[in-house]
Amino acid sequence: MRKFFLVLLPLFLISCSTCKVAQSSAIKEIQFGHGGGVTQSVTRYTLKSNGCIYNGSKVLRKVRKDELATIYEKAASLNCEPFYSPSNTFSFIRIVKNDTTLEFCWNGIPPLCVMKLNTNLYNLLPK
């Protein structure tokens, strides 16, 4: 029984510390993805404050605490106004905070102010 608790204790501590990192930035989740074209379907990934990346209700992976902190810091410090300029095909990042939602939507190459965040988010996805 003692071994059981010794195994669960680190997992519990890791999950709680991940939540604290995310809560300190006031960001609840970051949604990102792409869509459009002939089918008009949208692929959406969601990075939640618990460190899990979802595609719909399916968990794709759990992000390390340092990765989550880096992404949330970049998202919190974006230095540009939200923009929405989709075309036939588009990509997007939506940052959901406690009281606001910032949406960035573009066609083609991402604008400079979100390019690094966009690359970092896609690099979190399983290969």
Protein backbone atom coordinates (compact mmCIF):
# COMPACT_ATOMS: atom_id res chain seq x y z
CA MET A 1 0.00 0.00 0.00
CA ARG A 2 2.85 2.36 0.81
CA LYS A 3 4.41 1.79 -2.62
CA PHE A 4 1.08 2.68 -4.21
CA PHE A 5 1.06 6.09 -2.50
CA LEU A 6 4.71 6.71 -3.34
CA VAL A 7 3.88 6.22 -7.01
CA LEU A 8 0.77 8.43 -6.93
CA LEU A 9 2.26 11.28 -4.91
CA PRO A 10 4.66 12.55 -7.64
CA LEU A 11 1.91 12.36 -10.25
CA PHE A 12 -0.40 14.40 -8.06
CA LEU A 13 2.28 17.02 -7.36
CA ILE A 14 3.17 17.36 -11.05
CA SER A 15 -0.44 17.82 -12.10
CA CYS A 16 -1.06 20.46 -9.44
CA SER A 17 2.05 22.44 -10.30
CA THR A 18 1.08 22.47 -13.98
CA CYS A 19 -2.28 23.97 -13.09
CA LYS A 20 -0.63 26.69 -10.99
CA VAL A 21 1.56 27.78 -13.90
CA ALA A 22 -1.43 28.14 -16.18
CA GLN A 23 -3.61 29.85 -13.59
CA SER A 24 -1.01 32.53 -12.97
CA SER A 25 -1.34 33.77 -16.57
CA ALA A 26 -5.17 34.03 -16.48
CA ILE A 27 -5.36 31.94 -19.67
CA LYS A 28 -7.89 29.13 -19.51
CA GLU A 29 -7.02 27.48 -22.82
CA ILE A 30 -5.44 28.03 -26.21
CA GLN A 31 -7.22 26.71 -29.29
CA PHE A 32 -5.37 26.42 -32.56
CA GLY A 33 -5.86 24.74 -35.90
CA HIS A 34 -6.77 25.15 -39.52
CA GLY A 35 -9.69 24.66 -41.84
CA GLY A 36 -11.58 25.64 -44.93
CA GLY A 37 -11.19 24.41 -48.47
CA VAL A 38 -13.83 22.48 -50.38
CA THR A 39 -15.11 20.60 -47.32
CA GLN A 40 -15.00 23.62 -44.98
CA SER A 41 -13.96 21.24 -42.19
CA VAL A 42 -11.96 22.58 -39.25
CA THR A 43 -9.23 20.78 -37.33
CA ARG A 44 -9.07 22.22 -33.83
CA TYR A 45 -6.61 21.43 -31.07
CA THR A 46 -7.06 22.72 -27.53
CA LEU A 47 -4.27 23.18 -24.99
CA LYS A 48 -5.95 23.30 -21.59
CA SER A 49 -4.53 24.73 -18.38
CA ASN A 50 -4.08 21.17 -17.07
CA GLY A 51 -1.38 20.66 -19.73
CA CYS A 52 -3.37 18.27 -21.94
CA ILE A 53 -3.76 18.79 -25.67
CA TYR A 54 -7.13 17.68 -27.02
CA ASN A 55 -8.47 17.06 -30.50
CA GLY A 56 -12.19 17.08 -29.79
CA SER A 57 -12.57 14.98 -26.64
CA LYS A 58 -9.51 12.84 -27.37
CA VAL A 59 -6.35 13.59 -25.37
CA LEU A 60 -3.38 13.65 -27.73
CA ARG A 61 -0.69 14.16 -25.09
CA LYS A 62 0.18 15.80 -21.80
CA VAL A 63 2.61 18.70 -22.09
CA ARG A 64 5.52 19.05 -19.67
CA LYS A 65 5.26 21.82 -17.10
CA ASP A 66 8.12 23.86 -18.60
CA GLU A 67 6.63 23.58 -22.12
CA LEU A 68 3.24 24.74 -20.84
CA ALA A 69 4.79 27.68 -19.00
CA THR A 70 6.68 28.76 -22.12
CA ILE A 71 3.60 28.58 -24.36
CA TYR A 72 1.36 30.41 -21.87
CA GLU A 73 3.99 33.13 -21.35
CA LYS A 74 4.27 33.66 -25.12
CA ALA A 75 0.50 33.79 -25.45
CA ALA A 76 0.14 36.23 -22.55
CA SER A 77 2.81 38.54 -23.96
CA LEU A 78 1.61 38.77 -27.58
CA ASN A 79 2.12 42.33 -28.71
CA CYS A 80 -0.51 42.71 -31.43
CA GLU A 81 -4.20 43.39 -31.77
CA PRO A 82 -6.44 40.42 -32.58
CA PHE A 83 -7.12 40.05 -36.29
CA TYR A 84 -9.51 38.01 -38.39
CA SER A 85 -8.76 37.69 -42.10
CA PRO A 86 -9.62 34.18 -43.27
CA SER A 87 -9.79 33.14 -46.90
CA ASN A 88 -10.76 29.87 -48.57
CA THR A 89 -8.34 28.10 -46.23
CA PHE A 90 -7.25 29.54 -42.90
CA SER A 91 -5.31 28.95 -39.70
CA PHE A 92 -6.16 30.30 -36.29
CA ILE A 93 -5.11 30.74 -32.67
CA ARG A 94 -7.74 31.56 -30.07
CA ILE A 95 -6.58 32.51 -26.57
CA VAL A 96 -9.34 32.14 -24.01
CA LYS A 97 -8.69 34.17 -20.87
CA ASN A 98 -10.86 34.47 -17.78
CA ASP A 99 -12.66 37.56 -19.08
CA THR A 100 -11.78 37.86 -22.80
CA THR A 101 -11.02 35.85 -25.90
CA LEU A 102 -8.34 36.92 -28.37
CA GLU A 103 -8.66 35.49 -31.86
CA PHE A 104 -6.04 35.52 -34.59
CA CYS A 105 -7.09 34.12 -37.98
CA TRP A 106 -5.09 34.25 -41.20
CA ASN A 107 -4.52 32.69 -44.60
CA GLY A 108 -1.08 31.42 -45.63
CA ILE A 109 1.99 32.39 -43.63
CA PRO A 110 1.20 33.54 -40.08
CA PRO A 111 1.86 37.20 -39.29
CA LEU A 112 5.10 37.85 -37.39
CA CYS A 113 3.41 38.62 -34.07
CA VAL A 114 1.94 35.08 -33.83
CA MET A 115 4.43 33.11 -35.95
CA LYS A 116 6.59 31.83 -33.08
CA LEU A 117 3.59 30.94 -30.90
CA ASN A 118 2.00 29.12 -33.84
CA THR A 119 5.19 27.11 -34.47
CA ASN A 120 5.53 26.26 -30.77
CA LEU A 121 1.92 25.06 -30.56
CA TYR A 122 2.23 22.77 -33.59
CA ASN A 123 5.54 21.41 -32.28
CA LEU A 124 3.64 20.16 -29.19
CA LEU A 125 1.52 17.83 -31.32
CA PRO A 126 2.52 14.16 -31.47
CA LYS A 127 4.48 13.29 -34.60
